[in-house]
């Protein structure tokens, strides 16, 4: 009976591994957040340029501030830092990113000529659940923000495909 259970467990574990069901490493989370913040920093002004009146001045300032705060917070996550110490920082950055995404995703879908940005935003949305999975290991009460907001992207990407699209290195085992 024990041998059967063990084989069943091994089969389930192998299936989950094959499906990509894994929590990212701290190094992957840092790479993901760095890539996401860099993408938003580059793309946000270009989206605004395509439709300068689509956002109010206050919205533009708030989004710019969230991106800046995210970039500044990233310097507090350093190599070798214990994962449980980095998780609250990653959670805060994730919250700022979700605030930005909640405005930009629907906006990019409506702006003519913004399809390239919509794809980049969809890639970010594909990666955020991995970041949140990491955070939730250390802060169990953390909410899965990208799922809560239910942003419906027209482009569906696997996290590693999204990383490739954004030029984020895949550093998980």
N, C-alpha and C. Protein backbone atom coordinates (compact mmCIF):
# COMPACT_ATOMS: atom_id res chain seq x y z
N UNK A 1 0.81 -1.20 0.00
CA UNK A 1 0.00 0.00 0.00
C UNK A 1 0.86 1.27 0.00
N UNK A 2 1.93 1.26 0.80
CA UNK A 2 2.83 2.41 0.86
C UNK A 2 3.50 2.62 -0.49
N UNK A 3 3.90 1.54 -1.15
CA UNK A 3 4.56 1.65 -2.46
C UNK A 3 3.63 2.27 -3.49
N UNK A 4 2.34 1.92 -3.43
CA UNK A 4 1.36 2.48 -4.37
C UNK A 4 1.19 3.97 -4.11
N UNK A 5 1.08 4.35 -2.84
CA UNK A 5 0.93 5.77 -2.51
C UNK A 5 2.16 6.56 -2.95
N UNK A 6 3.33 5.95 -2.72
CA UNK A 6 4.55 6.64 -3.11
C UNK A 6 4.61 6.83 -4.62
N UNK A 7 4.25 5.77 -5.37
CA UNK A 7 4.24 5.90 -6.83
C UNK A 7 3.23 6.95 -7.27
N UNK A 8 2.07 6.97 -6.64
CA UNK A 8 1.06 7.97 -6.98
C UNK A 8 1.58 9.37 -6.68
N UNK A 9 2.23 9.53 -5.54
CA UNK A 9 2.80 10.83 -5.18
C UNK A 9 3.86 11.25 -6.21
N UNK A 10 4.74 10.32 -6.57
CA UNK A 10 5.78 10.62 -7.53
C UNK A 10 5.19 10.99 -8.89
N UNK A 11 4.12 10.31 -9.29
CA UNK A 11 3.45 10.62 -10.55
C UNK A 11 2.85 12.01 -10.51
N UNK A 12 2.20 12.35 -9.40
CA UNK A 12 1.62 13.69 -9.24
C UNK A 12 2.72 14.74 -9.26
N UNK A 13 3.80 14.50 -8.52
CA UNK A 13 4.91 15.46 -8.48
C UNK A 13 5.51 15.65 -9.87
N UNK A 14 5.69 14.55 -10.60
CA UNK A 14 6.25 14.64 -11.95
C UNK A 14 5.31 15.40 -12.88
N UNK A 15 4.02 15.16 -12.75
CA UNK A 15 3.04 15.86 -13.57
C UNK A 15 3.05 17.35 -13.28
N UNK A 16 3.08 17.70 -11.99
CA UNK A 16 3.12 19.12 -11.64
C UNK A 16 4.40 19.78 -12.15
N UNK A 17 5.51 19.09 -12.04
CA UNK A 17 6.77 19.64 -12.53
C UNK A 17 6.72 19.84 -14.04
N UNK A 18 6.13 18.89 -14.73
CA UNK A 18 6.02 18.99 -16.19
C UNK A 18 5.11 20.13 -16.61
N UNK A 19 4.12 20.42 -15.79
CA UNK A 19 3.17 21.49 -16.09
C UNK A 19 3.74 22.86 -15.74
N UNK A 20 4.89 22.87 -15.10
CA UNK A 20 5.47 24.15 -14.74
C UNK A 20 4.93 24.68 -13.43
N UNK A 21 4.30 23.84 -12.62
CA UNK A 21 3.75 24.28 -11.35
C UNK A 21 4.88 24.40 -10.34
N UNK A 22 5.48 25.58 -10.28
CA UNK A 22 6.57 25.78 -9.34
C UNK A 22 6.57 27.23 -8.91
N UNK A 23 7.09 27.43 -7.73
CA UNK A 23 7.23 28.79 -7.22
C UNK A 23 8.61 29.28 -7.66
N UNK A 24 8.69 30.50 -8.14
CA UNK A 24 9.97 30.99 -8.62
C UNK A 24 10.98 31.18 -7.48
N UNK A 25 12.23 31.16 -7.84
CA UNK A 25 13.30 31.41 -6.88
C UNK A 25 13.36 32.90 -6.58
N UNK A 26 14.01 33.28 -5.47
CA UNK A 26 14.18 34.72 -5.20
C UNK A 26 14.89 35.44 -6.36
N UNK A 27 15.89 34.79 -6.95
CA UNK A 27 16.59 35.41 -8.08
C UNK A 27 15.66 35.66 -9.26
N UNK A 28 14.74 34.71 -9.51
CA UNK A 28 13.78 34.89 -10.60
C UNK A 28 12.83 36.05 -10.30
N UNK A 29 12.40 36.15 -9.05
CA UNK A 29 11.49 37.23 -8.67
C UNK A 29 12.17 38.59 -8.86
N UNK A 30 13.42 38.69 -8.46
CA UNK A 30 14.15 39.95 -8.65
C UNK A 30 14.30 40.26 -10.14
N UNK A 31 14.64 39.25 -10.93
CA UNK A 31 14.75 39.46 -12.38
C UNK A 31 13.41 39.88 -12.97
N UNK A 32 12.33 39.22 -12.51
CA UNK A 32 11.00 39.55 -13.01
C UNK A 32 10.61 40.98 -12.67
N UNK A 33 10.78 41.35 -11.41
CA UNK A 33 10.39 42.70 -11.00
C UNK A 33 11.25 43.76 -11.70
N UNK A 34 12.53 43.49 -11.84
CA UNK A 34 13.41 44.43 -12.53
C UNK A 34 12.98 44.60 -13.99
N UNK A 35 12.68 43.50 -14.65
CA UNK A 35 12.23 43.57 -16.04
C UNK A 35 10.88 44.25 -16.19
N UNK A 36 9.97 43.94 -15.29
CA UNK A 36 8.63 44.54 -15.34
C UNK A 36 8.71 46.05 -15.13
N UNK A 37 9.43 46.46 -14.09
CA UNK A 37 9.53 47.90 -13.80
C UNK A 37 10.24 48.62 -14.95
N UNK A 38 11.28 48.01 -15.50
CA UNK A 38 11.97 48.62 -16.64
C UNK A 38 11.05 48.77 -17.85
N UNK A 39 10.24 47.75 -18.11
CA UNK A 39 9.29 47.81 -19.23
C UNK A 39 8.27 48.92 -19.01
N UNK A 40 7.72 48.99 -17.81
CA UNK A 40 6.72 50.04 -17.51
C UNK A 40 7.35 51.42 -17.61
N UNK A 41 8.58 51.56 -17.13
CA UNK A 41 9.25 52.87 -17.18
C UNK A 41 9.44 53.33 -18.63
N UNK A 42 9.76 52.39 -19.51
CA UNK A 42 9.96 52.74 -20.92
C UNK A 42 8.63 52.94 -21.66
N UNK A 43 7.67 52.06 -21.40
CA UNK A 43 6.43 52.06 -22.18
C UNK A 43 5.40 53.09 -21.74
N UNK A 44 5.36 53.42 -20.46
CA UNK A 44 4.33 54.35 -19.98
C UNK A 44 4.37 55.69 -20.72
N UNK A 45 5.52 56.35 -20.84
CA UNK A 45 5.51 57.63 -21.56
C UNK A 45 5.08 57.49 -23.02
N UNK A 46 5.39 56.34 -23.62
CA UNK A 46 5.03 56.13 -25.02
C UNK A 46 3.51 55.92 -25.16
N UNK A 47 2.92 55.25 -24.20
CA UNK A 47 1.46 55.07 -24.22
C UNK A 47 0.78 56.43 -24.05
N UNK A 48 1.30 57.23 -23.14
CA UNK A 48 0.73 58.57 -22.92
C UNK A 48 0.88 59.41 -24.19
N UNK A 49 2.00 59.27 -24.87
CA UNK A 49 2.23 60.04 -26.09
C UNK A 49 1.22 59.67 -27.18
N UNK A 50 0.82 58.38 -27.23
CA UNK A 50 -0.17 57.95 -28.21
C UNK A 50 -1.56 58.56 -27.95
N UNK A 51 -1.88 58.75 -26.68
CA UNK A 51 -3.20 59.29 -26.31
C UNK A 51 -3.02 60.22 -25.11
N UNK A 52 -2.51 61.42 -25.35
CA UNK A 52 -2.17 62.32 -24.24
C UNK A 52 -3.35 62.73 -23.36
N UNK A 53 -4.55 62.67 -23.88
CA UNK A 53 -5.71 63.10 -23.09
C UNK A 53 -6.48 61.92 -22.50
N UNK A 54 -5.98 60.71 -22.70
CA UNK A 54 -6.68 59.52 -22.19
C UNK A 54 -6.59 59.41 -20.67
N UNK A 55 -5.54 59.98 -20.10
CA UNK A 55 -5.37 59.98 -18.65
C UNK A 55 -5.34 61.42 -18.15
N UNK A 56 -5.88 61.63 -16.98
CA UNK A 56 -5.80 62.96 -16.38
C UNK A 56 -4.36 63.20 -15.93
N UNK A 57 -4.04 64.45 -15.65
CA UNK A 57 -2.70 64.78 -15.15
C UNK A 57 -2.45 64.06 -13.82
N UNK A 58 -3.47 63.96 -12.98
CA UNK A 58 -3.32 63.25 -11.70
C UNK A 58 -3.04 61.77 -11.91
N UNK A 59 -3.72 61.14 -12.87
CA UNK A 59 -3.48 59.73 -13.16
C UNK A 59 -2.06 59.52 -13.68
N UNK A 60 -1.62 60.40 -14.56
CA UNK A 60 -0.27 60.30 -15.10
C UNK A 60 0.77 60.43 -13.98
N UNK A 61 0.54 61.38 -13.09
CA UNK A 61 1.46 61.57 -11.96
C UNK A 61 1.46 60.35 -11.05
N UNK A 62 0.28 59.83 -10.74
CA UNK A 62 0.19 58.67 -9.85
C UNK A 62 0.88 57.46 -10.45
N UNK A 63 0.67 57.20 -11.74
CA UNK A 63 1.32 56.07 -12.39
C UNK A 63 2.83 56.28 -12.41
N UNK A 64 3.26 57.47 -12.76
CA UNK A 64 4.70 57.77 -12.76
C UNK A 64 5.32 57.58 -11.38
N UNK A 65 4.59 58.02 -10.34
CA UNK A 65 5.07 57.85 -8.97
C UNK A 65 5.16 56.37 -8.60
N UNK A 66 4.16 55.57 -8.98
CA UNK A 66 4.18 54.14 -8.67
C UNK A 66 5.37 53.44 -9.35
N UNK A 67 5.64 53.82 -10.58
CA UNK A 67 6.78 53.24 -11.29
C UNK A 67 8.09 53.66 -10.62
N UNK A 68 8.20 54.93 -10.27
CA UNK A 68 9.41 55.44 -9.59
C UNK A 68 9.61 54.76 -8.25
N UNK A 69 8.54 54.65 -7.45
CA UNK A 69 8.65 53.99 -6.14
C UNK A 69 9.06 52.53 -6.30
N UNK A 70 8.54 51.87 -7.34
CA UNK A 70 8.90 50.47 -7.59
C UNK A 70 10.39 50.36 -7.91
N UNK A 71 10.87 51.25 -8.77
CA UNK A 71 12.28 51.24 -9.15
C UNK A 71 13.17 51.50 -7.93
N UNK A 72 12.78 52.46 -7.12
CA UNK A 72 13.56 52.78 -5.92
C UNK A 72 13.55 51.62 -4.92
N UNK A 73 12.42 50.95 -4.77
CA UNK A 73 12.32 49.83 -3.83
C UNK A 73 13.16 48.63 -4.28
N UNK A 74 13.33 48.48 -5.58
CA UNK A 74 14.12 47.36 -6.10
C UNK A 74 15.56 47.36 -5.58
N UNK A 75 16.11 48.53 -5.31
CA UNK A 75 17.49 48.58 -4.82
C UNK A 75 17.60 48.01 -3.41
N UNK A 76 16.48 47.84 -2.72
CA UNK A 76 16.49 47.27 -1.37
C UNK A 76 16.50 45.75 -1.37
N UNK A 77 16.34 45.16 -2.55
CA UNK A 77 16.42 43.70 -2.65
C UNK A 77 17.80 43.39 -3.22
N UNK A 78 18.64 42.76 -2.40
CA UNK A 78 20.01 42.50 -2.81
C UNK A 78 20.30 41.01 -2.83
N UNK A 79 21.28 40.62 -3.62
CA UNK A 79 21.68 39.22 -3.71
C UNK A 79 22.09 38.71 -2.33
N UNK A 80 21.65 37.52 -2.02
CA UNK A 80 21.98 36.92 -0.74
C UNK A 80 21.04 37.29 0.39
N UNK A 81 20.12 38.21 0.13
CA UNK A 81 19.16 38.61 1.16
C UNK A 81 18.23 37.43 1.45
N UNK A 82 17.92 37.18 2.71
CA UNK A 82 16.96 36.10 3.00
C UNK A 82 15.63 36.36 2.29
N UNK A 83 15.07 35.31 1.73
CA UNK A 83 13.83 35.45 0.96
C UNK A 83 12.71 36.06 1.79
N UNK A 84 12.64 35.69 3.08
CA UNK A 84 11.56 36.23 3.91
C UNK A 84 11.74 37.72 4.17
N UNK A 85 12.96 38.23 4.05
CA UNK A 85 13.20 39.67 4.20
C UNK A 85 12.85 40.41 2.91
N UNK A 86 13.05 39.76 1.77
CA UNK A 86 12.75 40.39 0.49
C UNK A 86 11.28 40.34 0.10
N UNK A 87 10.55 39.37 0.67
CA UNK A 87 9.14 39.18 0.28
C UNK A 87 8.27 40.42 0.53
N UNK A 88 8.39 41.10 1.69
CA UNK A 88 7.55 42.30 1.87
C UNK A 88 7.86 43.41 0.87
N UNK A 89 9.13 43.52 0.49
CA UNK A 89 9.50 44.52 -0.52
C UNK A 89 8.90 44.13 -1.87
N UNK A 90 9.03 42.84 -2.22
CA UNK A 90 8.44 42.36 -3.47
C UNK A 90 6.93 42.56 -3.46
N UNK A 91 6.29 42.34 -2.31
CA UNK A 91 4.85 42.54 -2.22
C UNK A 91 4.47 44.00 -2.48
N UNK A 92 5.23 44.93 -1.90
CA UNK A 92 4.93 46.35 -2.10
C UNK A 92 5.11 46.73 -3.57
N UNK A 93 6.18 46.25 -4.18
CA UNK A 93 6.41 46.55 -5.60
C UNK A 93 5.28 45.96 -6.44
N UNK A 94 4.88 44.74 -6.10
CA UNK A 94 3.76 44.09 -6.81
C UNK A 94 2.48 44.92 -6.69
N UNK A 95 2.23 45.49 -5.53
CA UNK A 95 1.03 46.32 -5.36
C UNK A 95 1.09 47.56 -6.24
N UNK A 96 2.25 48.21 -6.29
CA UNK A 96 2.39 49.39 -7.15
C UNK A 96 2.23 49.01 -8.61
N UNK A 97 2.83 47.89 -9.00
CA UNK A 97 2.70 47.44 -10.39
C UNK A 97 1.25 47.16 -10.73
N UNK A 98 0.52 46.51 -9.83
CA UNK A 98 -0.88 46.23 -10.09
C UNK A 98 -1.70 47.51 -10.20
N UNK A 99 -1.37 48.52 -9.41
CA UNK A 99 -2.06 49.81 -9.54
C UNK A 99 -1.85 50.37 -10.95
N UNK A 100 -0.62 50.31 -11.43
CA UNK A 100 -0.31 50.80 -12.78
C UNK A 100 -1.05 49.97 -13.82
N UNK A 101 -0.99 48.66 -13.67
CA UNK A 101 -1.60 47.76 -14.65
C UNK A 101 -3.11 47.93 -14.72
N UNK A 102 -3.75 48.20 -13.60
CA UNK A 102 -5.20 48.36 -13.60
C UNK A 102 -5.65 49.54 -14.45
N UNK A 103 -4.78 50.51 -14.62
CA UNK A 103 -5.10 51.65 -15.49
C UNK A 103 -4.62 51.40 -16.92
N UNK A 104 -3.41 50.88 -17.07
CA UNK A 104 -2.83 50.79 -18.41
C UNK A 104 -3.39 49.66 -19.27
N UNK A 105 -3.74 48.53 -18.68
CA UNK A 105 -4.23 47.40 -19.50
C UNK A 105 -5.48 47.79 -20.29
N UNK A 106 -6.53 48.31 -19.62
CA UNK A 106 -7.71 48.68 -20.42
C UNK A 106 -7.42 49.85 -21.37
N UNK A 107 -6.55 50.75 -20.96
CA UNK A 107 -6.23 51.90 -21.79
C UNK A 107 -5.51 51.46 -23.07
N UNK A 108 -4.51 50.60 -22.94
CA UNK A 108 -3.76 50.13 -24.10
C UNK A 108 -4.65 49.36 -25.07
N UNK A 109 -5.66 48.69 -24.55
CA UNK A 109 -6.58 47.95 -25.41
C UNK A 109 -7.46 48.90 -26.24
N UNK A 110 -7.66 50.12 -25.77
CA UNK A 110 -8.55 51.06 -26.45
C UNK A 110 -7.82 52.02 -27.39
N UNK A 111 -6.52 52.19 -27.20
CA UNK A 111 -5.78 53.19 -27.97
C UNK A 111 -5.33 52.61 -29.31
N UNK A 112 -5.72 53.23 -30.42
CA UNK A 112 -5.22 52.79 -31.71
C UNK A 112 -3.70 52.90 -31.75
N UNK A 113 -3.06 51.88 -32.24
CA UNK A 113 -1.60 51.88 -32.33
C UNK A 113 -0.88 51.40 -31.09
N UNK A 114 -1.62 50.99 -30.07
CA UNK A 114 -0.98 50.57 -28.82
C UNK A 114 -0.91 49.06 -28.67
N UNK A 115 -1.08 48.32 -29.75
CA UNK A 115 -1.09 46.86 -29.66
C UNK A 115 0.22 46.30 -29.10
N UNK A 116 1.36 46.88 -29.49
CA UNK A 116 2.65 46.39 -28.98
C UNK A 116 2.72 46.56 -27.47
N UNK A 117 2.15 47.66 -26.97
CA UNK A 117 2.16 47.89 -25.52
C UNK A 117 1.18 46.95 -24.84
N UNK A 118 0.06 46.66 -25.50
CA UNK A 118 -0.90 45.72 -24.93
C UNK A 118 -0.27 44.33 -24.77
N UNK A 119 0.55 43.93 -25.72
CA UNK A 119 1.24 42.64 -25.63
C UNK A 119 2.24 42.65 -24.48
N UNK A 120 3.00 43.73 -24.34
CA UNK A 120 3.96 43.84 -23.23
C UNK A 120 3.23 43.80 -21.89
N UNK A 121 2.09 44.47 -21.81
CA UNK A 121 1.31 44.46 -20.57
C UNK A 121 0.75 43.08 -20.28
N UNK A 122 0.36 42.37 -21.34
CA UNK A 122 -0.12 40.99 -21.16
C UNK A 122 1.02 40.10 -20.64
N UNK A 123 2.23 40.36 -21.12
CA UNK A 123 3.39 39.59 -20.64
C UNK A 123 3.63 39.87 -19.16
N UNK A 124 3.50 41.12 -18.77
CA UNK A 124 3.64 41.46 -17.34
C UNK A 124 2.57 40.73 -16.53
N UNK A 125 1.35 40.75 -17.03
CA UNK A 125 0.25 40.05 -16.33
C UNK A 125 0.49 38.55 -16.22
N UNK A 126 1.22 37.99 -17.17
CA UNK A 126 1.51 36.55 -17.13
C UNK A 126 2.57 36.23 -16.07
N UNK A 127 3.41 37.19 -15.75
CA UNK A 127 4.50 36.98 -14.79
C UNK A 127 4.07 37.30 -13.36
N UNK A 128 3.19 38.27 -13.18
CA UNK A 128 2.82 38.70 -11.82
C UNK A 128 2.34 37.57 -10.91
N UNK A 129 1.55 36.61 -11.39
CA UNK A 129 1.15 35.53 -10.47
C UNK A 129 2.33 34.74 -9.91
N UNK A 130 3.43 34.62 -10.66
CA UNK A 130 4.62 33.96 -10.14
C UNK A 130 5.23 34.77 -8.99
N UNK A 131 5.30 36.09 -9.18
CA UNK A 131 5.82 36.96 -8.12
C UNK A 131 4.95 36.81 -6.88
N UNK A 132 3.63 36.82 -7.08
CA UNK A 132 2.70 36.72 -5.96
C UNK A 132 2.76 35.36 -5.29
N UNK A 133 3.04 34.32 -6.06
CA UNK A 133 3.22 32.99 -5.49
C UNK A 133 4.42 32.97 -4.56
N UNK A 134 5.49 33.61 -4.96
CA UNK A 134 6.68 33.72 -4.12
C UNK A 134 6.35 34.48 -2.84
N UNK A 135 5.72 35.64 -2.98
CA UNK A 135 5.38 36.46 -1.81
C UNK A 135 4.50 35.69 -0.84
N UNK A 136 3.54 34.95 -1.37
CA UNK A 136 2.59 34.24 -0.52
C UNK A 136 3.23 33.11 0.30
N UNK A 137 4.43 32.67 -0.08
CA UNK A 137 5.14 31.69 0.74
C UNK A 137 5.56 32.28 2.08
N UNK A 138 5.87 33.58 2.08
CA UNK A 138 6.43 34.24 3.25
C UNK A 138 5.42 35.15 3.94
N UNK A 139 4.43 35.58 3.20
CA UNK A 139 3.37 36.42 3.76
C UNK A 139 2.05 35.75 3.36
N UNK A 140 1.65 34.72 4.12
CA UNK A 140 0.49 33.92 3.71
C UNK A 140 -0.80 34.71 3.50
N UNK A 141 -0.92 35.83 4.18
CA UNK A 141 -2.16 36.59 4.03
C UNK A 141 -2.14 37.51 2.82
N UNK A 142 -1.03 37.52 2.09
CA UNK A 142 -0.93 38.38 0.91
C UNK A 142 -1.98 37.97 -0.12
N UNK A 143 -2.55 38.95 -0.74
CA UNK A 143 -3.60 38.70 -1.73
C UNK A 143 -2.96 38.52 -3.09
N UNK A 144 -3.53 37.66 -3.91
CA UNK A 144 -3.06 37.49 -5.28
C UNK A 144 -3.68 38.59 -6.12
N UNK A 145 -3.02 39.72 -6.12
CA UNK A 145 -3.57 40.94 -6.70
C UNK A 145 -3.93 40.82 -8.17
N UNK A 146 -3.08 40.23 -8.98
CA UNK A 146 -3.36 40.18 -10.41
C UNK A 146 -4.60 39.35 -10.69
N UNK A 147 -4.89 38.37 -9.85
CA UNK A 147 -6.09 37.56 -10.02
C UNK A 147 -7.33 38.29 -9.50
N UNK A 148 -7.15 39.06 -8.41
CA UNK A 148 -8.28 39.78 -7.83
C UNK A 148 -8.85 40.78 -8.82
N UNK A 149 -7.96 41.49 -9.50
CA UNK A 149 -8.42 42.53 -10.41
C UNK A 149 -8.99 41.94 -11.69
N UNK A 150 -8.65 40.71 -11.99
CA UNK A 150 -9.23 40.02 -13.13
C UNK A 150 -9.05 40.73 -14.45
N UNK A 151 -7.88 41.28 -14.66
CA UNK A 151 -7.63 41.93 -15.95
C UNK A 151 -7.69 40.87 -17.03
N UNK A 152 -8.47 41.13 -18.02
CA UNK A 152 -8.64 40.15 -19.11
C UNK A 152 -7.81 40.59 -20.30
N UNK A 153 -6.66 40.00 -20.43
CA UNK A 153 -5.81 40.31 -21.56
C UNK A 153 -6.24 39.46 -22.75
N UNK A 154 -6.15 40.04 -23.92
CA UNK A 154 -6.48 39.29 -25.13
C UNK A 154 -5.37 38.32 -25.50
N UNK A 155 -4.17 38.59 -25.01
CA UNK A 155 -3.01 37.77 -25.30
C UNK A 155 -2.71 36.92 -24.07
N UNK A 156 -2.67 35.61 -24.25
CA UNK A 156 -2.37 34.70 -23.15
C UNK A 156 -0.97 34.15 -23.35
N UNK A 157 -0.13 34.29 -22.35
CA UNK A 157 1.25 33.84 -22.43
C UNK A 157 1.60 33.01 -21.21
N UNK A 158 2.46 32.03 -21.40
CA UNK A 158 3.05 31.31 -20.27
C UNK A 158 4.11 32.22 -19.67
N UNK A 159 4.37 32.11 -18.37
CA UNK A 159 5.34 33.01 -17.74
C UNK A 159 6.71 33.03 -18.42
N UNK A 160 7.25 31.87 -18.80
CA UNK A 160 8.58 31.88 -19.43
C UNK A 160 8.53 32.51 -20.82
N UNK A 161 7.45 32.34 -21.54
CA UNK A 161 7.29 33.00 -22.84
C UNK A 161 7.19 34.52 -22.63
N UNK A 162 6.50 34.92 -21.58
CA UNK A 162 6.38 36.35 -21.26
C UNK A 162 7.74 36.93 -20.90
N UNK A 163 8.52 36.17 -20.13
CA UNK A 163 9.86 36.63 -19.78
C UNK A 163 10.71 36.82 -21.05
N UNK A 164 10.61 35.88 -21.94
CA UNK A 164 11.38 35.97 -23.19
C UNK A 164 10.96 37.22 -23.97
N UNK A 165 9.67 37.46 -24.05
CA UNK A 165 9.16 38.63 -24.77
C UNK A 165 9.69 39.93 -24.18
N UNK A 166 9.78 39.98 -22.85
CA UNK A 166 10.24 41.20 -22.18
C UNK A 166 11.76 41.25 -22.00
N UNK A 167 12.45 40.18 -22.41
CA UNK A 167 13.89 40.15 -22.26
C UNK A 167 14.35 39.89 -20.82
N UNK A 168 13.51 39.23 -20.04
CA UNK A 168 13.84 38.89 -18.66
C UNK A 168 14.50 37.52 -18.64
N UNK A 169 15.67 37.40 -18.03
CA UNK A 169 16.31 36.09 -18.00
C UNK A 169 15.52 35.09 -17.15
N UNK A 170 15.53 33.85 -17.58
CA UNK A 170 14.90 32.78 -16.80
C UNK A 170 15.99 32.21 -15.91
N UNK A 171 15.86 32.41 -14.60
CA UNK A 171 16.90 31.99 -13.68
C UNK A 171 16.42 30.91 -12.70
N UNK A 172 15.20 30.47 -12.85
CA UNK A 172 14.77 29.40 -11.95
C UNK A 172 15.31 28.06 -12.45
N UNK A 173 15.42 27.09 -11.50
CA UNK A 173 16.02 25.81 -11.91
C UNK A 173 15.15 25.04 -12.88
